[in-house]
């Protein structure tokens, strides 16, 4: 490993020595890169449902570091026959793209030695309900477009800061899923 890279201290809240050690470990043993994330969901009432996230498989083993569940309620607003007890599922998707890109920016900036002062974003997505409601076969069910707008400040020139966002987009798992799709299988046990 590069000595300057190894000696780099934590930056932007990112443990850069561990980040580089992880990169080196995965380079040496690519099977460590295989992860499986999981969530369970249960219907509560109407459009209100709850997801629980805790365990995952990664780095060659089942993770046991999380000691508490992450619990997320989802619902629709009243105008969409819900009770507003949580964000809609499509709003969670907006959160996912913003969170993934932001985390990537922090990691990439730390790896490149760029101190960040601010990273904030606004995400908007447009949906035409004619598709979801089954009123048009020509309108898709999901977002017609998503726009992410970043405000970023740090100890680097504007073109370097823009480059951090570009590199994060290029490596973002959520951006990849949204722009390239992914096979989804749905199984049903009815009784």
Protein backbone atom coordinates (compact mmCIF):
# COMPACT_ATOMS: atom_id res chain seq x y z
CA UNK A 1 0.00 0.00 0.00
CA UNK A 2 1.12 3.57 -0.74
CA UNK A 3 2.70 5.04 2.44
CA UNK A 4 1.09 8.46 1.96
CA UNK A 5 -2.29 6.79 1.57
CA UNK A 6 -1.80 4.66 4.70
CA UNK A 7 -0.68 7.67 6.75
CA UNK A 8 -3.66 9.82 5.72
CA UNK A 9 -5.78 10.60 8.80
CA UNK A 10 -9.55 10.40 9.05
CA UNK A 11 -11.25 13.16 7.10
CA UNK A 12 -14.89 14.28 6.72
CA UNK A 13 -15.85 11.71 9.36
CA UNK A 14 -14.46 8.92 7.16
CA UNK A 15 -11.89 6.53 8.65
CA UNK A 16 -9.59 6.71 5.62
CA UNK A 17 -7.02 4.19 6.92
CA UNK A 18 -9.84 1.63 7.24
CA UNK A 19 -11.23 2.65 3.84
CA UNK A 20 -7.86 1.97 2.18
CA UNK A 21 -7.36 -1.25 4.17
CA UNK A 22 -10.78 -2.42 2.95
CA UNK A 23 -9.87 -1.61 -0.65
CA UNK A 24 -6.61 -3.56 -0.30
CA UNK A 25 -8.35 -6.54 1.36
CA UNK A 26 -10.97 -6.74 -1.41
CA UNK A 27 -8.27 -6.45 -4.10
CA UNK A 28 -6.45 -9.38 -2.47
CA UNK A 29 -9.62 -11.46 -1.97
CA UNK A 30 -12.45 -10.37 -4.34
CA UNK A 31 -14.97 -12.74 -2.67
CA UNK A 32 -15.07 -10.30 0.25
CA UNK A 33 -16.93 -7.89 -2.06
CA UNK A 34 -20.04 -10.12 -2.19
CA UNK A 35 -22.79 -8.64 0.01
CA UNK A 36 -26.47 -9.41 0.53
CA UNK A 37 -28.69 -6.81 2.17
CA UNK A 38 -32.16 -7.68 3.48
CA UNK A 39 -35.35 -6.04 4.67
CA UNK A 40 -38.63 -7.47 5.93
CA UNK A 41 -41.96 -5.70 5.59
CA UNK A 42 -45.39 -6.12 7.16
CA UNK A 43 -48.70 -4.55 6.21
CA UNK A 44 -50.36 -2.63 9.07
CA UNK A 45 -53.56 -1.16 7.62
CA UNK A 46 -54.65 0.54 4.42
CA UNK A 47 -51.50 1.70 2.66
CA UNK A 48 -49.51 1.84 5.93
CA UNK A 49 -46.75 -0.76 6.23
CA UNK A 50 -43.49 -1.15 8.15
CA UNK A 51 -40.05 -2.37 7.08
CA UNK A 52 -37.40 -3.68 9.45
CA UNK A 53 -33.72 -3.80 8.49
CA UNK A 54 -30.98 -5.32 10.59
CA UNK A 55 -28.74 -8.11 9.40
CA UNK A 56 -26.78 -8.50 6.20
CA UNK A 57 -24.14 -10.77 4.79
CA UNK A 58 -20.84 -9.22 3.76
CA UNK A 59 -17.07 -9.52 3.87
CA UNK A 60 -17.41 -13.31 3.97
CA UNK A 61 -19.71 -13.56 6.98
CA UNK A 62 -23.05 -12.70 8.53
CA UNK A 63 -22.77 -9.26 10.13
CA UNK A 64 -23.56 -9.06 13.84
CA UNK A 65 -22.44 -5.48 14.52
CA UNK A 66 -25.95 -4.04 14.36
CA UNK A 67 -27.59 -4.56 17.72
CA UNK A 68 -30.91 -2.83 17.00
CA UNK A 69 -33.40 -2.89 14.17
CA UNK A 70 -33.84 0.03 11.78
CA UNK A 71 -37.61 0.52 11.46
CA UNK A 72 -39.23 2.52 8.66
CA UNK A 73 -42.93 3.19 8.21
CA UNK A 74 -44.34 3.93 4.78
CA UNK A 75 -47.79 5.19 3.86
CA UNK A 76 -49.54 7.32 1.29
CA UNK A 77 -50.90 10.81 1.96
CA UNK A 78 -54.66 11.27 2.35
CA UNK A 79 -55.02 12.45 -1.26
CA UNK A 80 -53.75 8.98 -2.27
CA UNK A 81 -56.07 7.11 0.17
CA UNK A 82 -53.49 6.82 2.93
CA UNK A 83 -53.13 8.40 6.34
CA UNK A 84 -49.68 10.00 5.98
CA UNK A 85 -48.05 7.84 8.67
CA UNK A 86 -44.77 7.83 6.75
CA UNK A 87 -43.18 8.78 3.46
CA UNK A 88 -44.42 7.04 0.33
CA UNK A 89 -42.25 4.22 -1.04
CA UNK A 90 -41.24 6.41 -3.98
CA UNK A 91 -40.07 9.10 -1.55
CA UNK A 92 -37.80 6.50 0.09
CA UNK A 93 -36.31 6.02 -3.38
CA UNK A 94 -35.46 9.75 -3.49
CA UNK A 95 -33.86 9.42 -0.06
CA UNK A 96 -31.87 6.39 -1.29
CA UNK A 97 -30.33 8.19 -4.26
CA UNK A 98 -29.48 11.28 -2.19
CA UNK A 99 -28.02 9.22 0.66
CA UNK A 100 -25.96 6.99 -1.64
CA UNK A 101 -24.50 9.89 -3.62
CA UNK A 102 -23.76 11.89 -0.45
CA UNK A 103 -21.99 8.96 1.25
CA UNK A 104 -19.96 8.43 -1.90
CA UNK A 105 -18.95 12.08 -2.01
CA UNK A 106 -17.73 11.93 1.61
CA UNK A 107 -15.70 8.76 0.98
CA UNK A 108 -14.18 9.94 -2.30
CA UNK A 109 -13.32 13.36 -0.86
CA UNK A 110 -11.63 11.73 2.13
CA UNK A 111 -9.69 9.35 -0.11
CA UNK A 112 -8.50 12.28 -2.22
CA UNK A 113 -7.62 14.41 0.81
CA UNK A 114 -10.35 17.01 0.22
CA UNK A 115 -11.90 18.50 3.36
CA UNK A 116 -15.63 19.12 2.94
CA UNK A 117 -17.53 21.99 4.57
CA UNK A 118 -21.00 21.36 3.15
CA UNK A 119 -22.77 18.75 1.09
CA UNK A 120 -26.51 19.13 0.67
CA UNK A 121 -28.93 18.10 -2.02
CA UNK A 122 -32.48 18.43 -3.20
CA UNK A 123 -34.07 15.53 -5.06
CA UNK A 124 -37.26 15.75 -7.10
CA UNK A 125 -39.09 13.02 -8.96
CA UNK A 126 -42.03 13.32 -11.32
CA UNK A 127 -44.75 10.64 -11.49
CA UNK A 128 -47.91 10.64 -13.56
CA UNK A 129 -50.51 8.67 -11.59
CA UNK A 130 -52.33 7.62 -14.76
CA UNK A 131 -49.92 4.67 -14.91
CA UNK A 132 -50.17 3.56 -11.27
CA UNK A 133 -53.97 3.91 -11.31
CA UNK A 134 -54.21 1.79 -14.47
CA UNK A 135 -55.82 4.62 -16.45
CA UNK A 136 -53.22 4.63 -19.24
CA UNK A 137 -51.07 1.94 -20.80
CA UNK A 138 -48.82 4.65 -22.25
CA UNK A 139 -47.76 6.14 -18.92
CA UNK A 140 -45.18 4.28 -16.86
CA UNK A 141 -45.91 3.42 -13.21
CA UNK A 142 -42.68 4.87 -11.85
CA UNK A 143 -40.79 8.10 -12.02
CA UNK A 144 -40.62 9.76 -15.41
CA UNK A 145 -37.51 11.58 -14.28
CA UNK A 146 -35.46 12.31 -11.17
CA UNK A 147 -33.37 15.44 -10.62
CA UNK A 148 -30.65 15.71 -7.99
CA UNK A 149 -29.17 19.13 -7.25
CA UNK A 150 -26.07 19.36 -5.02
CA UNK A 151 -24.58 22.25 -3.10
CA UNK A 152 -21.00 21.37 -2.19
CA UNK A 153 -18.24 23.38 -0.53
CA UNK A 154 -14.79 22.31 0.54
CA UNK A 155 -11.06 22.96 0.45
CA UNK A 156 -10.72 22.43 -3.30
CA UNK A 157 -11.46 24.31 -6.52
CA UNK A 158 -15.02 24.09 -7.92
CA UNK A 159 -13.98 21.69 -10.70
CA UNK A 160 -12.50 19.27 -8.13
CA UNK A 161 -15.68 19.45 -6.02
CA UNK A 162 -17.81 18.80 -9.12
CA UNK A 163 -15.51 15.87 -9.89
CA UNK A 164 -16.29 14.36 -6.47
CA UNK A 165 -19.99 14.37 -7.35
CA UNK A 166 -19.28 12.89 -10.80
CA UNK A 167 -17.16 10.09 -9.31
CA UNK A 168 -19.79 9.37 -6.67
CA UNK A 169 -22.44 9.08 -9.39
CA UNK A 170 -20.15 6.76 -11.37
CA UNK A 171 -19.77 4.43 -8.33
CA UNK A 172 -23.24 4.74 -6.75
CA UNK A 173 -25.14 1.46 -6.35
CA UNK A 174 -28.49 3.27 -6.15
CA UNK A 175 -27.77 5.41 -9.22
CA UNK A 176 -26.81 2.23 -11.07
CA UNK A 177 -30.03 0.44 -10.10
CA UNK A 178 -32.16 3.45 -11.07
CA UNK A 179 -30.47 4.06 -14.42
CA UNK A 180 -29.75 0.47 -15.49
CA UNK A 181 -32.48 -1.50 -13.76
CA UNK A 182 -32.01 -4.78 -11.94
CA UNK A 183 -33.86 -8.09 -12.20
CA UNK A 184 -36.52 -8.34 -9.51
CA UNK A 185 -38.19 -11.63 -8.64
CA UNK A 186 -41.47 -11.72 -6.73
CA UNK A 187 -42.52 -14.99 -5.05
CA UNK A 188 -45.85 -15.55 -3.33
CA UNK A 189 -46.87 -17.97 -0.58
CA UNK A 190 -50.63 -17.65 -0.25
CA UNK A 191 -52.81 -19.42 2.20
